[in-house]
Protein backbone atom coordinates (compact mmCIF):
# COMPACT_ATOMS: atom_id res chain seq x y z
CA ASP A 1 70.61 259.40 43.00
CA ASP A 2 71.15 263.19 43.15
CA ASP A 3 74.81 262.84 43.06
CA ASP A 4 74.93 261.34 39.43
CA ASP A 5 73.03 264.55 38.19
CA ASP A 6 74.85 266.85 36.02
CA ASP A 7 74.96 270.74 36.78
CA GLU A 8 72.73 271.68 33.88
CA GLY A 9 69.46 269.81 35.38
CA ARG A 10 68.55 266.85 36.89
CA GLY A 11 68.67 263.52 35.50
CA THR A 12 65.51 261.06 35.46
CA SER A 13 65.13 257.50 36.70
CA SER A 14 62.52 254.92 35.87
CA ILE A 15 62.08 251.51 37.42
CA VAL A 16 61.44 248.78 35.01
CA GLU A 17 60.64 245.44 36.25
CA ALA A 18 62.11 242.14 34.34
CA PRO A 19 59.20 240.18 32.89
CA GLU A 20 57.93 237.29 35.07
CA GLN A 21 57.91 233.64 34.47
CA GLY A 22 56.23 232.78 31.30
CA THR A 23 57.20 235.54 29.35
CA ASP A 24 60.02 236.09 27.12
CA ALA A 25 62.58 236.82 29.66
CA PRO A 26 63.93 233.76 31.67
CA HIS A 27 63.25 233.39 35.35
CA PRO A 28 66.49 235.04 37.45
CA SER A 29 67.10 231.26 38.83
CA GLU A 30 67.29 230.02 34.97
CA PRO A 31 71.00 229.74 33.40
CA GLY A 32 69.78 232.24 30.28
CA ARG A 33 68.96 234.93 32.70
CA THR A 34 72.60 236.38 32.40
CA LYS A 35 72.38 236.53 28.55
CA PHE A 36 69.23 238.29 28.49
CA PHE A 37 70.18 240.63 31.15
CA LYS A 38 73.42 241.49 29.31
CA ARG A 39 71.59 242.03 26.26
CA VAL A 40 69.12 244.38 28.01
CA ILE A 41 71.89 246.31 29.65
CA LYS A 42 74.04 246.74 26.40
CA ARG A 43 71.00 248.22 24.59
CA LEU A 44 70.53 250.82 27.45
CA THR A 45 74.19 251.87 27.32
CA GLN A 46 73.86 252.19 23.58
CA GLY A 47 70.90 254.52 23.90
CA GLY A 48 73.05 256.52 26.37
CA LEU A 49 71.27 255.73 29.21
CA ARG A 50 72.52 254.84 32.89
CA TYR A 51 71.23 251.92 34.95
CA ALA A 52 71.29 250.41 38.42
CA SER A 53 70.18 246.80 39.12
CA TYR A 54 69.25 245.01 41.94
CA TYR A 55 67.24 241.79 43.04
CA SER A 56 63.73 242.01 44.64
CA ILE A 57 63.57 241.01 48.38
CA GLN A 58 62.36 237.50 47.40
CA ARG A 59 65.13 237.33 44.54
CA ASP A 60 62.72 236.44 42.02
CA GLU A 61 62.74 239.38 40.16
CA VAL A 62 65.31 241.74 38.85
CA TYR A 63 64.75 245.73 39.01
CA VAL A 64 66.44 248.07 36.89
CA LEU A 65 66.72 251.74 37.62
CA ILE A 66 66.97 253.54 34.33
CA GLY A 67 68.25 257.14 34.24
CA ALA A 68 69.62 259.89 31.50
CA LYS A 69 71.51 263.08 31.94
CA TYR A 70 70.21 266.29 31.00
CA ASP A 71 72.21 266.49 27.93
CA ARG A 72 70.75 263.13 26.46
CA LEU A 73 67.21 264.25 27.33
CA ALA A 74 67.77 267.56 25.55
CA GLN A 75 68.96 265.68 22.59
CA GLN A 76 66.20 263.47 22.34
CA ALA A 77 63.78 266.34 23.16
CA ASP A 78 65.29 268.18 20.31
CA ILE A 79 65.13 265.18 17.76
CA LEU A 80 61.46 264.69 18.48
CA ASP A 81 60.55 268.36 18.28
CA PHE A 82 59.27 267.98 21.95
CA GLN A 83 56.68 270.72 23.13
CA VAL A 84 57.93 272.40 26.15
CA HIS A 85 56.37 275.52 27.98
CA LEU A 86 58.18 279.05 27.56
CA HIS A 87 58.67 281.37 30.60
CA ALA A 88 56.23 284.05 29.94
CA ALA A 89 58.55 286.86 31.25
CA ARG A 90 61.71 285.82 29.73
CA LEU A 91 59.60 285.38 26.54
CA GLY A 92 58.22 288.75 26.73
CA ALA A 93 61.79 290.55 27.28
CA CYS A 94 63.17 288.54 24.34
CA LEU A 95 60.35 289.76 22.07
CA GLU A 96 60.95 293.40 23.22
CA ALA A 97 64.63 293.08 22.62
CA GLY A 98 64.46 291.09 19.26
CA MET A 99 67.15 288.81 18.29
CA PRO A 100 69.56 290.65 15.99
CA LYS A 101 71.75 287.69 15.45
CA TYR A 102 68.65 285.92 13.49
CA ASN A 103 67.39 289.38 12.10
CA ILE A 104 64.41 289.15 14.17
CA ALA A 105 63.39 292.76 15.13
CA PRO A 106 62.03 293.85 18.58
CA ILE A 107 58.07 293.16 18.63
CA ARG A 108 55.81 295.13 20.97
CA LEU A 109 52.64 293.39 21.85
CA GLY A 110 49.89 295.40 23.44
CA THR A 111 47.63 294.04 26.02
CA GLU A 112 44.71 296.63 25.30
CA VAL A 113 42.47 298.00 22.42
CA ASP A 114 40.75 300.98 22.97
CA GLY A 115 41.43 301.19 26.75
CA LEU A 116 39.95 297.49 27.10
CA PRO A 117 41.97 294.58 27.76
CA VAL A 118 42.39 292.29 25.07
CA SER A 119 42.33 289.05 27.01
CA LYS A 120 42.63 287.92 30.74
CA TYR A 121 46.00 286.37 29.69
CA ALA A 122 49.36 288.40 29.09
CA PRO A 123 50.42 288.04 25.59
CA CYS A 124 53.40 285.40 26.29
CA ASP A 125 51.27 283.26 28.85
CA HIS A 126 50.73 279.72 28.08
CA ILE A 127 53.05 279.61 25.20
CA TYR A 128 54.55 276.14 24.04
CA ALA A 129 57.26 275.51 21.53
CA LYS A 130 59.55 272.59 20.31
CA TYR A 131 62.44 272.05 22.30
CA ASP A 132 65.74 273.10 20.55
CA THR A 133 69.25 272.85 21.80
CA ASN A 134 70.17 276.22 20.66
CA GLU A 135 71.97 278.08 23.41
CA ASP A 136 70.06 281.37 22.65
CA LEU A 137 66.70 279.56 23.16
CA VAL A 138 67.23 277.19 26.13
CA PRO A 139 66.95 280.18 28.58
CA LEU A 140 63.41 280.87 27.24
CA TYR A 141 62.20 277.41 28.45
CA SER A 142 60.35 277.25 31.68
CA THR A 143 62.09 275.26 34.51
CA MET A 144 60.99 273.66 37.79
CA ALA A 145 62.73 276.83 39.36
CA ASP A 146 59.83 278.86 37.88
CA ASP A 147 57.26 276.63 39.56
CA VAL A 148 56.04 277.77 42.93
CA THR A 149 55.01 274.16 43.97
CA ARG A 150 58.67 273.05 43.66
CA ALA A 151 60.05 271.80 46.93
CA PRO A 152 62.37 274.22 48.63
CA GLY A 153 66.17 273.52 48.31
CA ARG A 154 65.49 271.18 45.15
CA GLU A 155 67.71 272.11 42.33
CA ALA A 156 65.92 273.50 39.08
CA ALA A 157 65.11 270.68 36.32
CA ARG A 158 64.87 271.64 32.67
CA PHE A 159 62.07 268.93 32.06
CA ARG A 160 59.27 268.09 34.51
CA SER A 161 59.08 264.55 35.76
CA MET A 162 56.53 263.21 33.28
CA GLN A 163 58.33 264.78 30.43
CA ARG A 164 61.67 263.20 31.60
CA ILE A 165 59.59 259.50 31.72
CA LYS A 166 58.26 260.22 28.29
CA LEU A 167 61.92 261.18 27.06
CA VAL A 168 63.34 258.08 28.51
CA THR A 169 60.61 255.72 27.33
CA ASN A 170 61.17 257.36 23.64
CA ILE A 171 65.01 256.68 24.02
CA LEU A 172 64.36 252.96 25.00
CA GLN A 173 62.21 252.29 22.33
CA ALA A 174 64.06 254.23 19.37
CA SER A 175 65.69 252.31 16.96
CA ARG A 176 69.21 251.69 17.51
CA ARG A 177 70.02 253.08 14.24
CA TYR A 178 68.86 256.31 15.40
CA GLY A 179 70.73 255.99 18.90
CA GLY A 180 67.99 254.46 21.00
CA GLY A 181 67.65 251.28 22.75
CA GLY A 182 65.61 249.39 19.97
CA MET A 183 63.15 247.85 22.77
CA PRO A 184 59.78 247.17 22.10
């Protein structure tokens, strides 16, 4: 649901199907289903996730749509030192300007030696780094707005869809002691 996304980036959603009859979860028609469902929802909300639930058409399964705000995804990416792609032009500009606040002098990277190209790639192409929520570093990360295959009119997302799924899954599985859902 696009209305639930915050201004900084798109949230993410995944559909999780409650286990079928014969597994640990009670069937939706059994009396214990409410207790199981409440326990799952409590773990989701403790992990900082959002949810929406609904029955299947046959009303024999419960589907839970799980989502996370950008801030929660960024927090988890920072905790995991999640590798993200850096935007080549913004990284190049940052290197040339340096970061005096952090005592980093300007760096000039050449692309030729004796008039011959060093590589077919520019010095800042295909660079990945760990995600950090530091406000000076966030602009260096590539976004969906930088991707030419992005659908027109779509808002830029800080994390790609597969990255968002990985982060939400990690939040679900992380120990409750560390702010996760504690789900196997």
